[in-house]
Amino acid sequence: DHSRCYPILLKDDLEDAVCYKSSIWGPTCDGLDLVCKEIFIPELDTNECMVFKDMGAYTISGAVAFNGIPLPKSIYTVSTSWKTIEAAFSNNLDELIPFANNTSCHASAGIKFPKSLSETKEAFKIGGKEVKAN
């Protein structure tokens, strides 16, 4: 709606980067889907990421894959730690899965998670066959 959101750039060497006047548009192909107007950010490549905190439940619901532009990858977190987001962009599954010894908000809510990666892999076995998630 009318909230002001600003990107957090996951890019090295931001201190010395040349910044350009930019606008960031949402994925709906709607002229009203303007996320940020006239902000200064460095040049980004296609696979570089921007993180937006607290965007809300309806920020992607109207998105469509239009004109060959794929939907953006969304990573939902409930952790108070930025390490969860950093792990989501790495290939280290051990850091991404919130294990039982993690003292994040899920622990205070009484939500139980697997104690180890092997326990998590067991949860994906159905009828003795391993199910691979995409």
N, C-alpha and C. Protein backbone atom coordinates (compact mmCIF):
# COMPACT_ATOMS: atom_id res chain seq x y z
N ASP A 1 0.83 -1.19 0.00
CA ASP A 1 0.00 0.00 0.00
C ASP A 1 0.87 1.25 0.00
N HIS A 2 0.82 1.97 1.10
CA HIS A 2 1.56 3.22 1.16
C HIS A 2 2.72 3.16 2.14
N SER A 3 3.11 1.97 2.55
CA SER A 3 4.26 1.87 3.45
C SER A 3 5.54 2.14 2.67
N ARG A 4 6.53 2.62 3.37
CA ARG A 4 7.82 2.90 2.72
C ARG A 4 8.78 1.76 3.05
N CYS A 5 9.24 1.10 2.02
CA CYS A 5 10.15 -0.03 2.19
C CYS A 5 11.46 0.29 1.47
N TYR A 6 12.55 -0.08 2.09
CA TYR A 6 13.86 0.17 1.49
C TYR A 6 14.65 -1.13 1.48
N PRO A 7 15.41 -1.36 0.41
CA PRO A 7 16.14 -2.62 0.31
C PRO A 7 17.39 -2.65 1.19
N ILE A 8 17.70 -3.84 1.64
CA ILE A 8 18.99 -4.13 2.27
C ILE A 8 19.74 -4.93 1.22
N LEU A 9 20.87 -4.43 0.78
CA LEU A 9 21.60 -5.08 -0.31
C LEU A 9 22.57 -6.10 0.25
N LEU A 10 22.54 -7.29 -0.32
CA LEU A 10 23.45 -8.37 0.05
C LEU A 10 24.61 -8.35 -0.93
N LYS A 11 25.45 -7.37 -0.79
CA LYS A 11 26.53 -7.16 -1.74
C LYS A 11 27.77 -6.72 -0.98
N ASP A 12 28.91 -7.21 -1.38
CA ASP A 12 30.17 -6.81 -0.76
C ASP A 12 30.59 -5.43 -1.27
N ASP A 13 31.44 -4.78 -0.53
CA ASP A 13 32.06 -3.50 -0.93
C ASP A 13 31.04 -2.40 -1.23
N LEU A 14 30.05 -2.24 -0.38
CA LEU A 14 29.07 -1.19 -0.59
C LEU A 14 29.61 0.20 -0.29
N GLU A 15 30.62 0.26 0.58
CA GLU A 15 31.16 1.57 0.97
C GLU A 15 31.75 2.34 -0.21
N ASP A 16 32.40 1.66 -1.11
CA ASP A 16 33.06 2.31 -2.25
C ASP A 16 32.24 2.25 -3.54
N ALA A 17 31.04 1.72 -3.47
CA ALA A 17 30.24 1.53 -4.68
C ALA A 17 29.70 2.86 -5.21
N VAL A 18 29.68 2.97 -6.53
CA VAL A 18 29.05 4.12 -7.18
C VAL A 18 27.55 3.86 -7.18
N CYS A 19 26.77 4.82 -6.70
CA CYS A 19 25.32 4.65 -6.61
C CYS A 19 24.62 5.44 -7.70
N TYR A 20 23.50 4.90 -8.15
CA TYR A 20 22.72 5.51 -9.22
C TYR A 20 21.29 5.75 -8.73
N LYS A 21 20.71 6.83 -9.21
CA LYS A 21 19.32 7.12 -8.90
C LYS A 21 18.46 6.02 -9.53
N SER A 22 17.66 5.34 -8.71
CA SER A 22 16.94 4.16 -9.17
C SER A 22 15.52 4.13 -8.63
N SER A 23 14.69 3.33 -9.26
CA SER A 23 13.35 3.01 -8.77
C SER A 23 13.24 1.49 -8.75
N ILE A 24 12.51 0.96 -7.79
CA ILE A 24 12.30 -0.48 -7.69
C ILE A 24 10.81 -0.74 -7.84
N TRP A 25 10.49 -1.62 -8.78
CA TRP A 25 9.10 -1.93 -9.08
C TRP A 25 8.77 -3.35 -8.65
N GLY A 26 7.54 -3.59 -8.26
CA GLY A 26 7.08 -4.91 -7.86
C GLY A 26 6.79 -5.79 -9.06
N PRO A 27 6.41 -7.05 -8.81
CA PRO A 27 6.25 -8.04 -9.88
C PRO A 27 4.88 -8.09 -10.55
N THR A 28 4.00 -7.13 -10.30
CA THR A 28 2.64 -7.27 -10.82
C THR A 28 2.43 -6.69 -12.21
N CYS A 29 3.39 -6.00 -12.78
CA CYS A 29 3.24 -5.31 -14.06
C CYS A 29 2.13 -4.27 -13.98
N ASP A 30 1.93 -3.72 -12.83
CA ASP A 30 0.93 -2.69 -12.59
C ASP A 30 1.66 -1.37 -12.35
N GLY A 31 1.19 -0.32 -12.94
CA GLY A 31 1.83 0.98 -12.79
C GLY A 31 1.82 1.51 -11.37
N LEU A 32 0.99 0.92 -10.51
CA LEU A 32 0.94 1.34 -9.10
C LEU A 32 1.86 0.52 -8.21
N ASP A 33 2.52 -0.49 -8.78
CA ASP A 33 3.35 -1.40 -7.98
C ASP A 33 4.77 -0.85 -7.81
N LEU A 34 4.87 0.37 -7.39
CA LEU A 34 6.16 1.01 -7.16
C LEU A 34 6.58 0.77 -5.71
N VAL A 35 7.71 0.10 -5.51
CA VAL A 35 8.20 -0.21 -4.17
C VAL A 35 9.03 0.94 -3.62
N CYS A 36 10.01 1.40 -4.39
CA CYS A 36 10.87 2.52 -3.98
C CYS A 36 11.02 3.48 -5.16
N LYS A 37 10.84 4.76 -4.89
CA LYS A 37 10.98 5.76 -5.94
C LYS A 37 12.20 6.63 -5.64
N GLU A 38 13.05 6.77 -6.63
CA GLU A 38 14.20 7.67 -6.56
C GLU A 38 15.07 7.44 -5.33
N ILE A 39 15.62 6.23 -5.25
CA ILE A 39 16.62 5.93 -4.22
C ILE A 39 17.96 5.75 -4.90
N PHE A 40 19.03 5.86 -4.16
CA PHE A 40 20.36 5.70 -4.72
C PHE A 40 20.93 4.37 -4.26
N ILE A 41 21.16 3.47 -5.23
CA ILE A 41 21.73 2.15 -4.95
C ILE A 41 22.79 1.85 -6.01
N PRO A 42 23.73 0.93 -5.69
CA PRO A 42 24.73 0.55 -6.69
C PRO A 42 24.09 -0.32 -7.78
N GLU A 43 24.78 -0.44 -8.89
CA GLU A 43 24.32 -1.30 -9.97
C GLU A 43 24.30 -2.75 -9.48
N LEU A 44 23.23 -3.47 -9.81
CA LEU A 44 23.07 -4.86 -9.40
C LEU A 44 22.99 -5.75 -10.62
N ASP A 45 23.50 -6.97 -10.50
CA ASP A 45 23.36 -7.96 -11.55
C ASP A 45 22.07 -8.74 -11.31
N THR A 46 21.65 -9.50 -12.31
CA THR A 46 20.39 -10.22 -12.25
C THR A 46 20.27 -11.12 -11.03
N ASN A 47 21.31 -11.85 -10.66
CA ASN A 47 21.21 -12.80 -9.56
C ASN A 47 21.56 -12.23 -8.20
N GLU A 48 21.80 -10.94 -8.11
CA GLU A 48 22.07 -10.34 -6.80
C GLU A 48 20.75 -10.06 -6.10
N CYS A 49 20.80 -10.11 -4.79
CA CYS A 49 19.57 -10.05 -4.00
C CYS A 49 19.42 -8.77 -3.21
N MET A 50 18.17 -8.43 -3.00
CA MET A 50 17.81 -7.35 -2.09
C MET A 50 16.86 -7.95 -1.07
N VAL A 51 17.00 -7.55 0.18
CA VAL A 51 16.13 -8.02 1.24
C VAL A 51 15.26 -6.85 1.67
N PHE A 52 13.97 -7.11 1.82
CA PHE A 52 13.05 -6.11 2.34
C PHE A 52 12.45 -6.64 3.63
N LYS A 53 12.65 -5.92 4.71
CA LYS A 53 12.10 -6.35 6.00
C LYS A 53 10.63 -5.95 6.10
N ASP A 54 9.86 -6.82 6.73
CA ASP A 54 8.47 -6.52 7.10
C ASP A 54 7.62 -6.04 5.93
N MET A 55 7.66 -6.76 4.82
CA MET A 55 6.88 -6.35 3.66
C MET A 55 5.40 -6.71 3.80
N GLY A 56 5.05 -7.71 4.57
CA GLY A 56 3.65 -8.03 4.79
C GLY A 56 3.14 -9.17 3.93
N ALA A 57 1.93 -9.59 4.23
CA ALA A 57 1.35 -10.80 3.63
C ALA A 57 0.96 -10.64 2.17
N TYR A 58 0.65 -9.45 1.71
CA TYR A 58 0.10 -9.30 0.36
C TYR A 58 1.10 -8.75 -0.65
N THR A 59 2.37 -8.77 -0.34
CA THR A 59 3.34 -8.19 -1.25
C THR A 59 3.59 -9.04 -2.49
N ILE A 60 3.28 -10.31 -2.46
CA ILE A 60 3.55 -11.18 -3.61
C ILE A 60 2.26 -11.81 -4.15
N SER A 61 1.15 -11.66 -3.45
CA SER A 61 -0.08 -12.37 -3.84
C SER A 61 -0.61 -11.95 -5.21
N GLY A 62 -0.36 -10.74 -5.64
CA GLY A 62 -0.83 -10.29 -6.95
C GLY A 62 0.18 -10.48 -8.07
N ALA A 63 1.30 -11.10 -7.77
CA ALA A 63 2.37 -11.25 -8.76
C ALA A 63 2.01 -12.27 -9.83
N VAL A 64 2.47 -12.02 -11.03
CA VAL A 64 2.29 -12.94 -12.14
C VAL A 64 3.60 -13.04 -12.91
N ALA A 65 3.83 -14.20 -13.51
CA ALA A 65 5.00 -14.36 -14.39
C ALA A 65 4.56 -13.83 -15.75
N PHE A 66 4.99 -12.63 -16.09
CA PHE A 66 4.51 -11.94 -17.28
C PHE A 66 5.70 -11.49 -18.11
N ASN A 67 5.58 -11.58 -19.41
CA ASN A 67 6.65 -11.17 -20.34
C ASN A 67 7.96 -11.90 -20.07
N GLY A 68 7.88 -13.13 -19.62
CA GLY A 68 9.08 -13.92 -19.39
C GLY A 68 9.83 -13.58 -18.12
N ILE A 69 9.26 -12.73 -17.28
CA ILE A 69 9.91 -12.37 -16.02
C ILE A 69 9.42 -13.34 -14.94
N PRO A 70 10.31 -14.15 -14.38
CA PRO A 70 9.87 -15.12 -13.36
C PRO A 70 9.53 -14.42 -12.04
N LEU A 71 8.75 -15.10 -11.23
CA LEU A 71 8.43 -14.57 -9.90
C LEU A 71 9.70 -14.56 -9.05
N PRO A 72 9.83 -13.60 -8.17
CA PRO A 72 11.03 -13.56 -7.32
C PRO A 72 11.00 -14.68 -6.30
N LYS A 73 12.19 -15.10 -5.87
CA LYS A 73 12.29 -16.12 -4.83
C LYS A 73 11.98 -15.45 -3.50
N SER A 74 11.07 -16.05 -2.75
CA SER A 74 10.72 -15.52 -1.44
C SER A 74 11.24 -16.45 -0.36
N ILE A 75 11.79 -15.89 0.67
CA ILE A 75 12.26 -16.66 1.82
C ILE A 75 11.59 -16.08 3.05
N TYR A 76 10.77 -16.89 3.69
CA TYR A 76 10.03 -16.43 4.85
C TYR A 76 10.78 -16.83 6.11
N THR A 77 10.94 -15.90 7.01
CA THR A 77 11.65 -16.17 8.26
C THR A 77 10.85 -15.64 9.43
N VAL A 78 11.05 -16.28 10.57
CA VAL A 78 10.46 -15.79 11.81
C VAL A 78 11.54 -15.55 12.84
N SER A 79 12.76 -15.72 12.44
CA SER A 79 13.88 -15.55 13.34
C SER A 79 14.18 -14.08 13.55
N THR A 80 14.71 -13.77 14.71
CA THR A 80 15.14 -12.40 14.97
C THR A 80 16.57 -12.19 14.51
N SER A 81 17.16 -13.22 13.95
CA SER A 81 18.56 -13.17 13.55
C SER A 81 18.70 -13.07 12.03
N TRP A 82 19.59 -12.19 11.58
CA TRP A 82 19.87 -12.08 10.15
C TRP A 82 20.62 -13.30 9.65
N LYS A 83 21.14 -14.13 10.55
CA LYS A 83 21.86 -15.33 10.13
C LYS A 83 20.94 -16.27 9.35
N THR A 84 19.65 -16.27 9.66
CA THR A 84 18.69 -17.10 8.93
C THR A 84 18.63 -16.68 7.47
N ILE A 85 18.60 -15.40 7.23
CA ILE A 85 18.54 -14.90 5.85
C ILE A 85 19.86 -15.18 5.13
N GLU A 86 20.98 -14.96 5.81
CA GLU A 86 22.27 -15.25 5.19
C GLU A 86 22.38 -16.72 4.82
N ALA A 87 21.90 -17.59 5.70
CA ALA A 87 21.97 -19.03 5.44
C ALA A 87 21.08 -19.42 4.27
N ALA A 88 19.98 -18.72 4.08
CA ALA A 88 19.07 -19.02 2.98
C ALA A 88 19.73 -18.80 1.62
N PHE A 89 20.72 -17.92 1.57
CA PHE A 89 21.42 -17.64 0.32
C PHE A 89 22.71 -18.46 0.20
N SER A 90 22.95 -19.33 1.17
CA SER A 90 24.12 -20.20 1.09
C SER A 90 23.64 -21.60 0.77
N ASN A 91 24.56 -22.51 0.62
CA ASN A 91 24.20 -23.90 0.36
C ASN A 91 24.31 -24.75 1.61
N ASN A 92 24.46 -24.13 2.77
CA ASN A 92 24.65 -24.86 4.01
C ASN A 92 23.30 -25.10 4.68
N LEU A 93 22.73 -26.29 4.48
CA LEU A 93 21.43 -26.64 5.03
C LEU A 93 21.44 -26.64 6.55
N ASP A 94 22.58 -26.99 7.15
CA ASP A 94 22.66 -27.02 8.61
C ASP A 94 22.37 -25.66 9.22
N GLU A 95 22.78 -24.59 8.55
CA GLU A 95 22.54 -23.24 9.09
C GLU A 95 21.13 -22.77 8.81
N LEU A 96 20.49 -23.30 7.79
CA LEU A 96 19.17 -22.83 7.39
C LEU A 96 18.06 -23.41 8.25
N ILE A 97 18.16 -24.68 8.62
CA ILE A 97 17.10 -25.33 9.38
C ILE A 97 17.19 -24.92 10.84
N PRO A 98 16.10 -24.42 11.41
CA PRO A 98 16.13 -24.00 12.82
C PRO A 98 16.05 -25.21 13.74
N PHE A 99 17.17 -25.66 14.24
CA PHE A 99 17.20 -26.84 15.10
C PHE A 99 16.72 -26.51 16.50
N ALA A 100 16.47 -27.54 17.29
CA ALA A 100 15.86 -27.39 18.62
C ALA A 100 16.71 -26.56 19.57
N ASN A 101 18.02 -26.50 19.38
CA ASN A 101 18.85 -25.72 20.29
C ASN A 101 18.85 -24.23 19.94
N ASN A 102 18.18 -23.86 18.86
CA ASN A 102 18.08 -22.46 18.46
C ASN A 102 17.12 -21.75 19.41
N THR A 103 17.51 -20.60 19.93
CA THR A 103 16.66 -19.88 20.88
C THR A 103 15.92 -18.74 20.21
N SER A 104 15.33 -19.02 19.08
CA SER A 104 14.59 -18.01 18.33
C SER A 104 13.16 -17.95 18.84
N CYS A 105 12.32 -17.18 18.15
CA CYS A 105 10.95 -17.00 18.62
C CYS A 105 10.13 -18.28 18.54
N HIS A 106 10.51 -19.26 17.68
CA HIS A 106 9.74 -20.49 17.63
C HIS A 106 9.82 -21.26 18.94
N ALA A 107 10.95 -21.15 19.65
CA ALA A 107 11.09 -21.84 20.93
C ALA A 107 10.13 -21.27 21.96
N SER A 108 10.02 -19.95 22.00
CA SER A 108 9.11 -19.33 22.96
C SER A 108 7.65 -19.60 22.61
N ALA A 109 7.36 -19.90 21.34
CA ALA A 109 6.00 -20.22 20.93
C ALA A 109 5.67 -21.69 21.11
N GLY A 110 6.66 -22.48 21.54
CA GLY A 110 6.43 -23.91 21.76
C GLY A 110 6.45 -24.75 20.51
N ILE A 111 6.99 -24.23 19.41
CA ILE A 111 7.08 -24.98 18.16
C ILE A 111 8.33 -25.84 18.22
N LYS A 112 8.18 -27.13 17.96
CA LYS A 112 9.32 -28.04 18.03
C LYS A 112 9.86 -28.32 16.63
N PHE A 113 11.17 -28.25 16.51
CA PHE A 113 11.85 -28.54 15.26
C PHE A 113 12.76 -29.75 15.46
N PRO A 114 13.20 -30.38 14.38
CA PRO A 114 14.12 -31.50 14.51
C PRO A 114 15.39 -31.10 15.25
N LYS A 115 15.99 -32.08 15.94
CA LYS A 115 17.21 -31.81 16.70
C LYS A 115 18.46 -31.86 15.84
N SER A 116 18.37 -32.45 14.66
CA SER A 116 19.56 -32.58 13.82
C SER A 116 19.14 -32.64 12.35
N LEU A 117 20.13 -32.53 11.47
CA LEU A 117 19.88 -32.64 10.04
C LEU A 117 19.40 -34.04 9.68
N SER A 118 19.95 -35.08 10.32
CA SER A 118 19.52 -36.45 10.01
C SER A 118 18.07 -36.66 10.42
N GLU A 119 17.64 -36.06 11.52
CA GLU A 119 16.25 -36.16 11.95
C GLU A 119 15.33 -35.46 10.95
N THR A 120 15.82 -34.37 10.38
CA THR A 120 15.05 -33.65 9.37
C THR A 120 14.91 -34.50 8.11
N LYS A 121 15.99 -35.15 7.70
CA LYS A 121 15.94 -36.01 6.52
C LYS A 121 14.97 -37.17 6.73
N GLU A 122 14.88 -37.70 7.96
CA GLU A 122 13.94 -38.77 8.28
C GLU A 122 12.50 -38.30 8.06
N ALA A 123 12.24 -37.04 8.37
CA ALA A 123 10.90 -36.49 8.23
C ALA A 123 10.46 -36.45 6.77
N PHE A 124 11.39 -36.48 5.83
CA PHE A 124 11.06 -36.44 4.42
C PHE A 124 10.99 -37.83 3.79
N LYS A 125 11.04 -38.88 4.60
CA LYS A 125 10.91 -40.24 4.08
C LYS A 125 9.47 -40.70 4.21
N ILE A 126 8.90 -41.17 3.12
CA ILE A 126 7.53 -41.67 3.13
C ILE A 126 7.55 -43.10 2.62
N GLY A 127 7.05 -44.02 3.43
CA GLY A 127 7.03 -45.43 3.03
C GLY A 127 8.40 -45.97 2.71
N GLY A 128 9.43 -45.52 3.43
CA GLY A 128 10.78 -46.00 3.23
C GLY A 128 11.50 -45.35 2.05
N LYS A 129 10.80 -44.52 1.28
CA LYS A 129 11.42 -43.85 0.14
C LYS A 129 11.66 -42.39 0.50
N GLU A 130 12.83 -41.92 0.12
CA GLU A 130 13.16 -40.53 0.41
C GLU A 130 12.45 -39.62 -0.58
N VAL A 131 11.83 -38.58 -0.05
CA VAL A 131 11.14 -37.59 -0.88
C VAL A 131 12.03 -36.37 -0.97
N LYS A 132 12.33 -35.96 -2.17
CA LYS A 132 13.20 -34.79 -2.37
C LYS A 132 12.33 -33.56 -2.62
N ALA A 133 12.59 -32.54 -1.82
CA ALA A 133 11.86 -31.28 -2.01
C ALA A 133 12.59 -30.43 -3.03
N ASN A 134 11.85 -29.73 -3.86
CA ASN A 134 12.45 -28.84 -4.86
C ASN A 134 12.62 -27.47 -4.30
